[in-house]
Amino acid sequence: MSKFKVFCFGYGQVAERFLNKLIQEKKDFDFNITSRQKTHQLLFENKLKINSYKFDDNNFDDSLINKLEDSNYILISIPPINGLDIVLKNFESSLKKVKNCKWITYLSATSVYGDHKGNWVTEESKVLPSSTNGVYRLTAENQWKDFSYKNNLPLQIFRLAGIYSEDQNILRRLKMGKVQIVDKKNHFFSRIHVEDIASVLLKSLKSFKDKETYNICDDMPASQKDVAIYGSKLLGLTEPEYIKLEEVESEMLRNFYKDSKKVDNKKMKTFFNYTLKYPTYVEGLDHILNDIS
């Protein structure tokens, strides 16, 4: 079996969990990442050394070029900056030289759909982003599509719903008293546990179809209020106070409440033949409670 040569632009919780999946599956792989720190070797779980190359907007370590051009799986988990994808901005010529590219996966977001008044959206639905983040994500998606078509490079786009994990979740915020919930009718939002994202990425190493887009989310869109109520019950806490939208000071939170939609995941589950480990926030939060208790 040939070695999986993975190059990941960015090293957040998705890339880290993906790396862990490769280790668990005992894959023969070479894994390289970028970060804003100086180039160094990173010791992962005290057993694996991986190369971390400096990349910060226009500033990067030239030594990453050879590793990139020798890679066959390229994961882009860096968000766009001012509407531009900084990976394409800096490495377009190098990406054209990748000799044996099996896939490029761009991690986008379901914010590209904008507001659909609480209705279901699929990958074929209109994209009408209402937030700056959504507009930037859609622009970056189109940049990657254009680039892959012009250079005959294999591309898949994962539109991720709101990510939660053992480290970042509503239970931690509830315990710290840092949850603001707007009581807004018909506000639906989709989520996905980071473990399920990593599992689908792993599946896509073998199951891949060029120029496809997938919604990566769980089975049960829900309001933040419903999730907060359930989380409070798990922790034995009083429900957080609810505020009106006009009382919200955070622009990011106001943007979050602009959009209401239920994101459909059938295409993801069917194509990758994948059963979610955490099909709803209930299973996800139940598991996390045991981890943080």
C-alpha atoms as a PDB file:
ATOM      1  CA  MET A   1       0.000   0.000   0.000  1.00  0.00           C
ATOM      2  CA  SER A   2       1.378   3.407  -0.952  1.00  0.00           C
ATOM      3  CA  LYS A   3       2.043   6.010   1.696  1.00  0.00           C
ATOM      4  CA  PHE A   4      -0.522   8.749   2.323  1.00  0.00           C
ATOM      5  CA  LYS A   5       1.379  12.022   1.996  1.00  0.00           C
ATOM      6  CA  VAL A   6      -0.760  14.658   3.692  1.00  0.00           C
ATOM      7  CA  PHE A   7      -0.109  18.385   3.764  1.00  0.00           C
ATOM      8  CA  CYS A   8      -2.419  20.468   5.919  1.00  0.00           C
ATOM      9  CA  PHE A   9      -2.605  24.239   5.697  1.00  0.00           C
ATOM     10  CA  GLY A  10      -3.520  25.170   9.252  1.00  0.00           C
ATOM     11  CA  TYR A  11      -3.575  22.961  12.308  1.00  0.00           C
ATOM     12  CA  GLY A  12      -6.767  23.451  14.270  1.00  0.00           C
ATOM     13  CA  GLN A  13      -8.965  20.899  15.981  1.00  0.00           C
ATOM     14  CA  VAL A  14     -10.130  19.297  12.712  1.00  0.00           C
ATOM     15  CA  ALA A  15      -6.617  18.696  11.379  1.00  0.00           C
ATOM     16  CA  GLU A  16      -5.427  17.437  14.751  1.00  0.00           C
ATOM     17  CA  ARG A  17      -8.320  14.954  15.034  1.00  0.00           C
ATOM     18  CA  PHE A  18      -7.715  13.850  11.431  1.00  0.00           C
ATOM     19  CA  LEU A  19      -4.076  13.129  12.303  1.00  0.00           C
ATOM     20  CA  ASN A  20      -5.222  11.089  15.285  1.00  0.00           C
ATOM     21  CA  LYS A  21      -7.540   9.085  13.026  1.00  0.00           C
ATOM     22  CA  LEU A  22      -4.642   8.213  10.720  1.00  0.00           C
ATOM     23  CA  ILE A  23      -2.677   6.956  13.720  1.00  0.00           C
ATOM     24  CA  GLN A  24      -5.609   4.928  15.059  1.00  0.00           C
ATOM     25  CA  GLU A  25      -6.134   3.308  11.653  1.00  0.00           C
ATOM     26  CA  LYS A  26      -2.398   2.483  11.507  1.00  0.00           C
ATOM     27  CA  LYS A  27      -2.063   4.137   8.122  1.00  0.00           C
ATOM     28  CA  ASP A  28       1.360   4.498   6.538  1.00  0.00           C
ATOM     29  CA  PHE A  29       1.530   8.257   6.214  1.00  0.00           C
ATOM     30  CA  ASP A  30       3.627  11.394   6.172  1.00  0.00           C
ATOM     31  CA  PHE A  31       1.888  14.401   7.745  1.00  0.00           C
ATOM     32  CA  ASN A  32       3.037  18.015   7.435  1.00  0.00           C
ATOM     33  CA  ILE A  33       1.301  21.163   8.653  1.00  0.00           C
ATOM     34  CA  THR A  34       1.597  24.932   8.717  1.00  0.00           C
ATOM     35  CA  SER A  35       1.240  27.266  11.670  1.00  0.00           C
ATOM     36  CA  ARG A  36       2.044  30.862  12.501  1.00  0.00           C
ATOM     37  CA  GLN A  37       4.964  29.800  14.668  1.00  0.00           C
ATOM     38  CA  LYS A  38       8.534  29.413  13.461  1.00  0.00           C
ATOM     39  CA  THR A  39       9.232  26.166  11.641  1.00  0.00           C
ATOM     40  CA  HIS A  40       9.698  23.346  14.138  1.00  0.00           C
ATOM     41  CA  GLN A  41       9.028  19.693  14.782  1.00  0.00           C
ATOM     42  CA  LEU A  42       5.867  18.958  16.719  1.00  0.00           C
ATOM     43  CA  LEU A  43       5.673  15.892  18.956  1.00  0.00           C
ATOM     44  CA  PHE A  44       2.120  14.542  18.729  1.00  0.00           C
ATOM     45  CA  GLU A  45       0.957  12.564  21.763  1.00  0.00           C
ATOM     46  CA  ASN A  46       4.591  11.831  22.640  1.00  0.00           C
ATOM     47  CA  LYS A  47       4.943   9.334  19.810  1.00  0.00           C
ATOM     48  CA  LEU A  48       4.971  11.027  16.418  1.00  0.00           C
ATOM     49  CA  LYS A  49       7.115  13.833  15.082  1.00  0.00           C
ATOM     50  CA  ILE A  50       5.553  15.998  12.388  1.00  0.00           C
ATOM     51  CA  ASN A  51       6.960  19.011  10.582  1.00  0.00           C
ATOM     52  CA  SER A  52       5.268  22.334  11.241  1.00  0.00           C
ATOM     53  CA  TYR A  53       6.212  25.041   8.726  1.00  0.00           C
ATOM     54  CA  LYS A  54       5.791  28.737   9.331  1.00  0.00           C
ATOM     55  CA  PHE A  55       3.024  30.333   7.273  1.00  0.00           C
ATOM     56  CA  ASP A  56       1.471  33.641   8.245  1.00  0.00           C
ATOM     57  CA  ASP A  57      -0.343  35.398   5.405  1.00  0.00           C
ATOM     58  CA  ASN A  58       2.474  36.483   3.050  1.00  0.00           C
ATOM     59  CA  ASN A  59       5.306  35.155   5.209  1.00  0.00           C
ATOM     60  CA  PHE A  60       6.250  31.480   4.946  1.00  0.00           C
ATOM     61  CA  ASP A  61       9.183  29.107   5.144  1.00  0.00           C
ATOM     62  CA  ASP A  62      10.356  28.230   1.614  1.00  0.00           C
ATOM     63  CA  SER A  63      11.301  24.747   2.766  1.00  0.00           C
ATOM     64  CA  LEU A  64       7.647  23.738   2.810  1.00  0.00           C
ATOM     65  CA  ILE A  65       7.472  23.931  -0.996  1.00  0.00           C
ATOM     66  CA  ASN A  66       9.147  20.571  -1.616  1.00  0.00           C
ATOM     67  CA  LYS A  67       6.891  18.842   0.921  1.00  0.00           C
ATOM     68  CA  LEU A  68       3.805  20.427  -0.610  1.00  0.00           C
ATOM     69  CA  GLU A  69       4.726  19.445  -4.154  1.00  0.00           C
ATOM     70  CA  ASP A  70       5.378  15.871  -3.005  1.00  0.00           C
ATOM     71  CA  SER A  71       2.026  15.552  -1.216  1.00  0.00           C
ATOM     72  CA  ASN A  72      -0.973  13.704  -2.598  1.00  0.00           C
ATOM     73  CA  TYR A  73      -3.624  14.798  -0.059  1.00  0.00           C
ATOM     74  CA  ILE A  74      -3.907  18.520   0.671  1.00  0.00           C
ATOM     75  CA  LEU A  75      -6.244  19.838   3.365  1.00  0.00           C
ATOM     76  CA  ILE A  76      -7.047  23.549   3.565  1.00  0.00           C
ATOM     77  CA  SER A  77      -8.399  24.499   6.982  1.00  0.00           C
ATOM     78  CA  ILE A  78      -7.339  28.161   6.996  1.00  0.00           C
ATOM     79  CA  PRO A  79     -10.248  30.622   6.674  1.00  0.00           C
ATOM     80  CA  PRO A  80     -10.108  33.347   4.010  1.00  0.00           C
ATOM     81  CA  ILE A  81      -8.804  36.783   4.885  1.00  0.00           C
ATOM     82  CA  ASN A  82     -10.655  39.783   3.424  1.00  0.00           C
ATOM     83  CA  GLY A  83     -12.341  37.537   0.890  1.00  0.00           C
ATOM     84  CA  LEU A  84      -9.106  35.951  -0.355  1.00  0.00           C
ATOM     85  CA  ASP A  85      -7.840  32.446   0.181  1.00  0.00           C
ATOM     86  CA  ILE A  86      -4.266  32.957   1.364  1.00  0.00           C
ATOM     87  CA  VAL A  87      -3.218  29.429   0.342  1.00  0.00           C
ATOM     88  CA  LEU A  88      -4.022  30.090  -3.305  1.00  0.00           C
ATOM     89  CA  LYS A  89      -2.625  33.602  -2.984  1.00  0.00           C
ATOM     90  CA  ASN A  90       0.785  32.285  -1.942  1.00  0.00           C
ATOM     91  CA  PHE A  91       1.035  28.771  -3.378  1.00  0.00           C
ATOM     92  CA  GLU A  92      -0.836  28.719  -6.686  1.00  0.00           C
ATOM     93  CA  SER A  93       2.298  27.955  -8.706  1.00  0.00           C
ATOM     94  CA  SER A  94       3.439  25.247  -6.284  1.00  0.00           C
ATOM     95  CA  LEU A  95       0.036  23.547  -6.256  1.00  0.00           C
ATOM     96  CA  LYS A  96       0.191  23.292 -10.045  1.00  0.00           C
ATOM     97  CA  LYS A  97       3.373  21.227  -9.645  1.00  0.00           C
ATOM     98  CA  VAL A  98       1.916  18.609  -7.300  1.00  0.00           C
ATOM     99  CA  LYS A  99       2.692  15.426  -9.265  1.00  0.00           C
ATOM    100  CA  ASN A 100       0.379  12.822  -7.784  1.00  0.00           C
ATOM    101  CA  CYS A 101      -2.523  14.701  -6.232  1.00  0.00           C
ATOM    102  CA  LYS A 102      -5.338  12.403  -5.067  1.00  0.00           C
ATOM    103  CA  TRP A 103      -7.469  15.127  -3.490  1.00  0.00           C
ATOM    104  CA  ILE A 104      -7.587  18.694  -2.305  1.00  0.00           C
ATOM    105  CA  THR A 105     -10.161  19.233   0.427  1.00  0.00           C
ATOM    106  CA  TYR A 106     -11.295  22.757   1.177  1.00  0.00           C
ATOM    107  CA  LEU A 107     -13.063  23.185   4.524  1.00  0.00           C
ATOM    108  CA  SER A 108     -15.797  25.754   4.010  1.00  0.00           C
ATOM    109  CA  ALA A 109     -18.846  26.534   6.158  1.00  0.00           C
ATOM    110  CA  THR A 110     -22.637  26.294   5.958  1.00  0.00           C
ATOM    111  CA  SER A 111     -22.735  30.081   6.417  1.00  0.00           C
ATOM    112  CA  VAL A 112     -22.566  30.265   2.600  1.00  0.00           C
ATOM    113  CA  TYR A 113     -26.296  29.400   2.496  1.00  0.00           C
ATOM    114  CA  GLY A 114     -27.371  32.478   4.427  1.00  0.00           C
ATOM    115  CA  ASP A 115     -30.923  32.709   5.726  1.00  0.00           C
ATOM    116  CA  HIS A 116     -33.522  30.183   4.507  1.00  0.00           C
ATOM    117  CA  LYS A 117     -36.232  31.032   7.053  1.00  0.00           C
ATOM    118  CA  GLY A 118     -35.809  27.775   8.955  1.00  0.00           C
ATOM    119  CA  ASN A 119     -36.229  25.581   5.869  1.00  0.00           C
ATOM    120  CA  TRP A 120     -33.997  22.696   4.818  1.00  0.00           C
ATOM    121  CA  VAL A 121     -31.013  23.307   2.549  1.00  0.00           C
ATOM    122  CA  THR A 122     -29.088  20.789   0.461  1.00  0.00           C
ATOM    123  CA  GLU A 123     -25.930  21.171  -1.580  1.00  0.00           C
ATOM    124  CA  GLU A 124     -28.158  22.261  -4.476  1.00  0.00           C
ATOM    125  CA  SER A 125     -29.847  25.088  -2.556  1.00  0.00           C
ATOM    126  CA  LYS A 126     -29.203  28.719  -3.377  1.00  0.00           C
ATOM    127  CA  VAL A 127     -26.218  30.249  -1.630  1.00  0.00           C
ATOM    128  CA  LEU A 128     -27.207  33.660  -0.281  1.00  0.00           C
ATOM    129  CA  PRO A 129     -24.665  34.514   2.442  1.00  0.00           C
ATOM    130  CA  SER A 130     -25.745  37.366   4.692  1.00  0.00           C
ATOM    131  CA  SER A 131     -22.668  37.553   6.937  1.00  0.00           C
ATOM    132  CA  THR A 132     -19.169  38.716   6.052  1.00  0.00           C
ATOM    133  CA  ASN A 133     -17.843  35.284   6.950  1.00  0.00           C
ATOM    134  CA  GLY A 134     -20.346  33.614   4.643  1.00  0.00           C
ATOM    135  CA  VAL A 135     -19.483  35.938   1.752  1.00  0.00           C
ATOM    136  CA  TYR A 136     -15.752  35.295   2.236  1.00  0.00           C
ATOM    137  CA  ARG A 137     -16.283  31.542   2.398  1.00  0.00           C
ATOM    138  CA  LEU A 138     -18.301  31.507  -0.816  1.00  0.00           C
ATOM    139  CA  THR A 139     -15.670  33.620  -2.576  1.00  0.00           C
ATOM    140  CA  ALA A 140     -12.946  31.210  -1.471  1.00  0.00           C
ATOM    141  CA  GLU A 141     -14.995  28.201  -2.616  1.00  0.00           C
ATOM    142  CA  ASN A 142     -15.304  29.733  -6.076  1.00  0.00           C
ATOM    143  CA  GLN A 143     -11.593  30.531  -6.175  1.00  0.00           C
ATOM    144  CA  TRP A 144     -10.761  26.892  -5.449  1.00  0.00           C
ATOM    145  CA  LYS A 145     -13.291  25.630  -8.006  1.00  0.00           C
ATOM    146  CA  ASP A 146     -11.870  27.873 -10.723  1.00  0.00           C
ATOM    147  CA  PHE A 147      -8.314  26.869  -9.862  1.00  0.00           C
ATOM    148  CA  SER A 148      -9.064  23.133  -9.819  1.00  0.00           C
ATOM    149  CA  TYR A 149     -10.919  23.253 -13.147  1.00  0.00           C
ATOM    150  CA  LYS A 150      -8.186  25.233 -14.899  1.00  0.00           C
ATOM    151  CA  ASN A 151      -5.435  22.943 -13.627  1.00  0.00           C
ATOM    152  CA  ASN A 152      -7.283  19.619 -13.627  1.00  0.00           C
ATOM    153  CA  LEU A 153      -6.779  19.108  -9.908  1.00  0.00           C
ATOM    154  CA  PRO A 154      -9.152  16.923  -7.825  1.00  0.00           C
ATOM    155  CA  LEU A 155     -11.207  19.010  -5.387  1.00  0.00           C
ATOM    156  CA  GLN A 156     -13.893  18.358  -2.800  1.00  0.00           C
ATOM    157  CA  ILE A 157     -15.522  20.999  -0.618  1.00  0.00           C
ATOM    158  CA  PHE A 158     -16.783  20.253   2.874  1.00  0.00           C
ATOM    159  CA  ARG A 159     -19.306  22.781   4.170  1.00  0.00           C
ATOM    160  CA  LEU A 160     -18.981  22.403   7.909  1.00  0.00           C
ATOM    161  CA  ALA A 161     -21.765  23.199  10.338  1.00  0.00           C
ATOM    162  CA  GLY A 162     -20.977  24.657  13.777  1.00  0.00           C
ATOM    163  CA  ILE A 163     -18.148  22.561  15.215  1.00  0.00           C
ATOM    164  CA  TYR A 164     -18.121  21.394  18.816  1.00  0.00           C
ATOM    165  CA  SER A 165     -15.746  19.089  20.679  1.00  0.00           C
ATOM    166  CA  GLU A 166     -14.546  18.050  24.116  1.00  0.00           C
ATOM    167  CA  ASP A 167     -12.594  21.324  24.286  1.00  0.00           C
ATOM    168  CA  GLN A 168     -15.127  23.704  22.745  1.00  0.00           C
ATOM    169  CA  ASN A 169     -18.759  23.151  23.666  1.00  0.00           C
ATOM    170  CA  ILE A 170     -21.769  24.726  25.321  1.00  0.00           C
ATOM    171  CA  LEU A 171     -21.300  22.748  28.554  1.00  0.00           C
ATOM    172  CA  ARG A 172     -18.023  24.520  29.282  1.00  0.00           C
ATOM    173  CA  ARG A 173     -19.576  27.893  28.490  1.00  0.00           C
ATOM    174  CA  LEU A 174     -22.567  27.179  30.714  1.00  0.00           C
ATOM    175  CA  LYS A 175     -20.304  26.252  33.628  1.00  0.00           C
ATOM    176  CA  MET A 176     -18.403  29.524  33.163  1.00  0.00           C
ATOM    177  CA  GLY A 177     -21.607  31.547  32.836  1.00  0.00           C
ATOM    178  CA  LYS A 178     -20.607  32.699  29.338  1.00  0.00           C
ATOM    179  CA  VAL A 179     -23.712  31.754  27.371  1.00  0.00           C
ATOM    180  CA  GLN A 180     -25.942  34.386  25.825  1.00  0.00           C
ATOM    181  CA  ILE A 181     -29.065  32.953  24.216  1.00  0.00           C
ATOM    182  CA  VAL A 182     -31.421  35.013  22.095  1.00  0.00           C
ATOM    183  CA  ASP A 183     -34.986  33.748  22.361  1.00  0.00           C
ATOM    184  CA  LYS A 184     -35.800  33.935  18.671  1.00  0.00           C
ATOM    185  CA  LYS A 185     -38.600  31.882  17.159  1.00  0.00           C
ATOM    186  CA  ASN A 186     -37.882  29.568  14.225  1.00  0.00           C
ATOM    187  CA  HIS A 187     -34.117  29.868  14.580  1.00  0.00           C
ATOM    188  CA  PHE A 188     -32.470  26.606  13.545  1.00  0.00           C
ATOM    189  CA  PHE A 189     -28.777  25.889  13.431  1.00  0.00           C
ATOM    190  CA  SER A 190     -26.825  22.745  12.518  1.00  0.00           C
ATOM    191  CA  ARG A 191     -23.848  21.290  14.358  1.00  0.00           C
ATOM    192  CA  ILE A 192     -21.185  18.635  13.936  1.00  0.00           C
ATOM    193  CA  HIS A 193     -18.828  16.962  16.394  1.00  0.00           C
ATOM    194  CA  VAL A 194     -15.185  17.255  15.334  1.00  0.00           C
ATOM    195  CA  GLU A 195     -14.833  13.456  15.620  1.00  0.00           C
ATOM    196  CA  ASP A 196     -17.353  12.976  12.822  1.00  0.00           C
ATOM    197  CA  ILE A 197     -15.583  15.496  10.574  1.00  0.00           C
ATOM    198  CA  ALA A 198     -12.301  13.627  11.015  1.00  0.00           C
ATOM    199  CA  SER A 199     -13.997  10.300  10.295  1.00  0.00           C
ATOM    200  CA  VAL A 200     -15.469  11.581   7.018  1.00  0.00           C
ATOM    201  CA  LEU A 201     -12.068  12.960   6.018  1.00  0.00           C
ATOM    202  CA  LEU A 202     -10.599   9.529   6.671  1.00  0.00           C
ATOM    203  CA  LYS A 203     -13.319   7.898   4.560  1.00  0.00           C
ATOM    204  CA  SER A 204     -12.590  10.296   1.715  1.00  0.00           C
ATOM    205  CA  LEU A 205      -9.016   9.039   1.389  1.00  0.00           C
ATOM    206  CA  LYS A 206     -10.502   6.006  -0.350  1.00  0.00           C
ATOM    207  CA  SER A 207     -13.921   7.305  -1.449  1.00  0.00           C
ATOM    208  CA  PHE A 208     -13.527  10.444  -3.519  1.00  0.00           C
ATOM    209  CA  LYS A 209     -15.445  12.089  -6.339  1.00  0.00           C
ATOM    210  CA  ASP A 210     -13.973  15.097  -8.068  1.00  0.00           C
ATOM    211  CA  LYS A 211     -15.635  18.540  -7.908  1.00  0.00           C
ATOM    212  CA  GLU A 212     -18.214  17.576  -5.286  1.00  0.00           C
ATOM    213  CA  THR A 213     -19.523  19.554  -2.314  1.00  0.00           C
ATOM    214  CA  TYR A 214     -20.830  17.973   0.894  1.00  0.00           C
ATOM    215  CA  ASN A 215     -22.679  19.315   3.906  1.00  0.00           C
ATOM    216  CA  ILE A 216     -20.933  17.988   7.010  1.00  0.00           C
ATOM    217  CA  CYS A 217     -23.465  18.186   9.837  1.00  0.00           C
ATOM    218  CA  ASP A 218     -25.462  16.007  12.195  1.00  0.00           C
ATOM    219  CA  ASP A 219     -29.039  14.771  11.835  1.00  0.00           C
ATOM    220  CA  MET A 220     -30.861  17.236  14.067  1.00  0.00           C
ATOM    221  CA  PRO A 221     -30.740  20.991  13.495  1.00  0.00           C
ATOM    222  CA  ALA A 222     -31.943  22.768  16.619  1.00  0.00           C
ATOM    223  CA  SER A 223     -32.163  26.177  18.221  1.00  0.00           C
ATOM    224  CA  GLN A 224     -29.453  27.361  20.564  1.00  0.00           C
ATOM    225  CA  LYS A 225     -32.169  27.626  23.191  1.00  0.00           C
ATOM    226  CA  ASP A 226     -32.963  23.907  22.962  1.00  0.00           C
ATOM    227  CA  VAL A 227     -29.288  23.006  23.235  1.00  0.00           C
ATOM    228  CA  ALA A 228     -28.782  25.347  26.193  1.00  0.00           C
ATOM    229  CA  ILE A 229     -31.794  23.870  27.989  1.00  0.00           C
ATOM    230  CA  TYR A 230     -30.486  20.342  27.496  1.00  0.00           C
ATOM    231  CA  GLY A 231     -26.967  21.319  28.547  1.00  0.00           C
ATOM    232  CA  SER A 232     -28.267  23.022  31.688  1.00  0.00           C
ATOM    233  CA  LYS A 233     -30.205  19.908  32.658  1.00  0.00           C
ATOM    234  CA  LEU A 234     -27.116  17.735  32.203  1.00  0.00           C
ATOM    235  CA  LEU A 235     -25.110  20.033  34.472  1.00  0.00           C
ATOM    236  CA  GLY A 236     -27.880  20.579  37.003  1.00  0.00           C
ATOM    237  CA  LEU A 237     -27.773  24.324  36.381  1.00  0.00           C
ATOM    238  CA  THR A 238     -30.492  26.925  36.074  1.00  0.00           C
ATOM    239  CA  GLU A 239     -31.212  27.782  32.457  1.00  0.00           C
ATOM    240  CA  PRO A 240     -29.349  30.876  31.246  1.00  0.00           C
ATOM    241  CA  GLU A 241     -31.313  34.075  30.863  1.00  0.00           C
ATOM    242  CA  TYR A 242     -32.623  34.830  27.404  1.00  0.00           C
ATOM    243  CA  ILE A 243     -32.161  38.223  25.790  1.00  0.00           C
ATOM    244  CA  LYS A 244     -33.687  40.037  22.846  1.00  0.00           C
ATOM    245  CA  LEU A 245     -31.775  40.318  19.587  1.00  0.00           C
ATOM    246  CA  GLU A 246     -31.579  44.105  19.867  1.00  0.00           C
ATOM    247  CA  GLU A 247     -29.761  43.686  23.195  1.00  0.00           C
ATOM    248  CA  VAL A 248     -26.881  41.722  21.653  1.00  0.00           C
ATOM    249  CA  GLU A 249     -23.633  43.720  21.572  1.00  0.00           C
ATOM    250  CA  SER A 250     -21.437  41.163  19.769  1.00  0.00           C
ATOM    251  CA  GLU A 251     -21.501  41.555  15.984  1.00  0.00           C
ATOM    252  CA  MET A 252     -20.544  37.890  15.588  1.00  0.00           C
ATOM    253  CA  LEU A 253     -23.513  36.803  17.701  1.00  0.00           C
ATOM    254  CA  ARG A 254     -25.869  39.147  15.843  1.00  0.00           C
ATOM    255  CA  ASN A 255     -24.697  37.639  12.543  1.00  0.00           C
ATOM    256  CA  PHE A 256     -25.297  34.165  13.923  1.00  0.00           C
ATOM    257  CA  TYR A 257     -28.948  34.971  14.589  1.00  0.00           C
ATOM    258  CA  LYS A 258     -29.466  36.470  11.122  1.00  0.00           C
ATOM    259  CA  ASP A 259     -29.584  33.028   9.532  1.00  0.00           C
ATOM    260  CA  SER A 260     -32.016  30.202  10.175  1.00  0.00           C
ATOM    261  CA  LYS A 261     -31.772  26.951   8.248  1.00  0.00           C
ATOM    262  CA  LYS A 262     -31.767  23.184   8.617  1.00  0.00           C
ATOM    263  CA  VAL A 263     -28.814  21.651   6.807  1.00  0.00           C
ATOM    264  CA  ASP A 264     -29.364  18.291   5.110  1.00  0.00           C
ATOM    265  CA  ASN A 265     -26.570  15.686   5.363  1.00  0.00           C
ATOM    266  CA  LYS A 266     -27.950  12.832   3.226  1.00  0.00           C
ATOM    267  CA  LYS A 267     -25.387  13.287   0.452  1.00  0.00           C
ATOM    268  CA  MET A 268     -22.491  12.965   2.911  1.00  0.00           C
ATOM    269  CA  LYS A 269     -23.898   9.862   4.622  1.00  0.00           C
ATOM    270  CA  THR A 270     -24.821   8.148   1.360  1.00  0.00           C
ATOM    271  CA  PHE A 271     -21.652   8.772  -0.634  1.00  0.00           C
ATOM    272  CA  PHE A 272     -19.208   8.005   2.167  1.00  0.00           C
ATOM    273  CA  ASN A 273     -21.420   5.218   3.561  1.00  0.00           C
ATOM    274  CA  TYR A 274     -21.008   6.855   6.935  1.00  0.00           C
ATOM    275  CA  THR A 275     -22.969   6.485  10.144  1.00  0.00           C
ATOM    276  CA  LEU A 276     -22.524   9.439  12.486  1.00  0.00           C
ATOM    277  CA  LYS A 277     -20.954   8.686  15.835  1.00  0.00           C
ATOM    278  CA  TYR A 278     -22.859  11.651  17.291  1.00  0.00           C
ATOM    279  CA  PRO A 279     -26.071  11.936  15.219  1.00  0.00           C
ATOM    280  CA  THR A 280     -27.468  14.734  17.420  1.00  0.00           C
ATOM    281  CA  TYR A 281     -26.299  17.158  20.085  1.00  0.00           C
ATOM    282  CA  VAL A 282     -27.838  14.837  22.695  1.00  0.00           C
ATOM    283  CA  GLU A 283     -25.323  12.029  22.090  1.00  0.00           C
ATOM    284  CA  GLY A 284     -22.516  14.537  21.670  1.00  0.00           C
ATOM    285  CA  LEU A 285     -23.157  16.407  24.912  1.00  0.00           C
ATOM    286  CA  ASP A 286     -23.785  13.192  26.839  1.00  0.00           C
ATOM    287  CA  HIS A 287     -20.334  11.985  25.799  1.00  0.00           C
ATOM    288  CA  ILE A 288     -18.671  15.317  26.565  1.00  0.00           C
ATOM    289  CA  LEU A 289     -20.241  15.447  30.037  1.00  0.00           C
ATOM    290  CA  ASN A 290     -18.386  12.269  30.978  1.00  0.00           C
ATOM    291  CA  ASP A 291     -15.170  13.783  29.636  1.00  0.00           C
ATOM    292  CA  ILE A 292     -15.318  17.048  31.629  1.00  0.00           C
ATOM    293  CA  SER A 293     -16.950  15.787  34.830  1.00  0.00           C
END
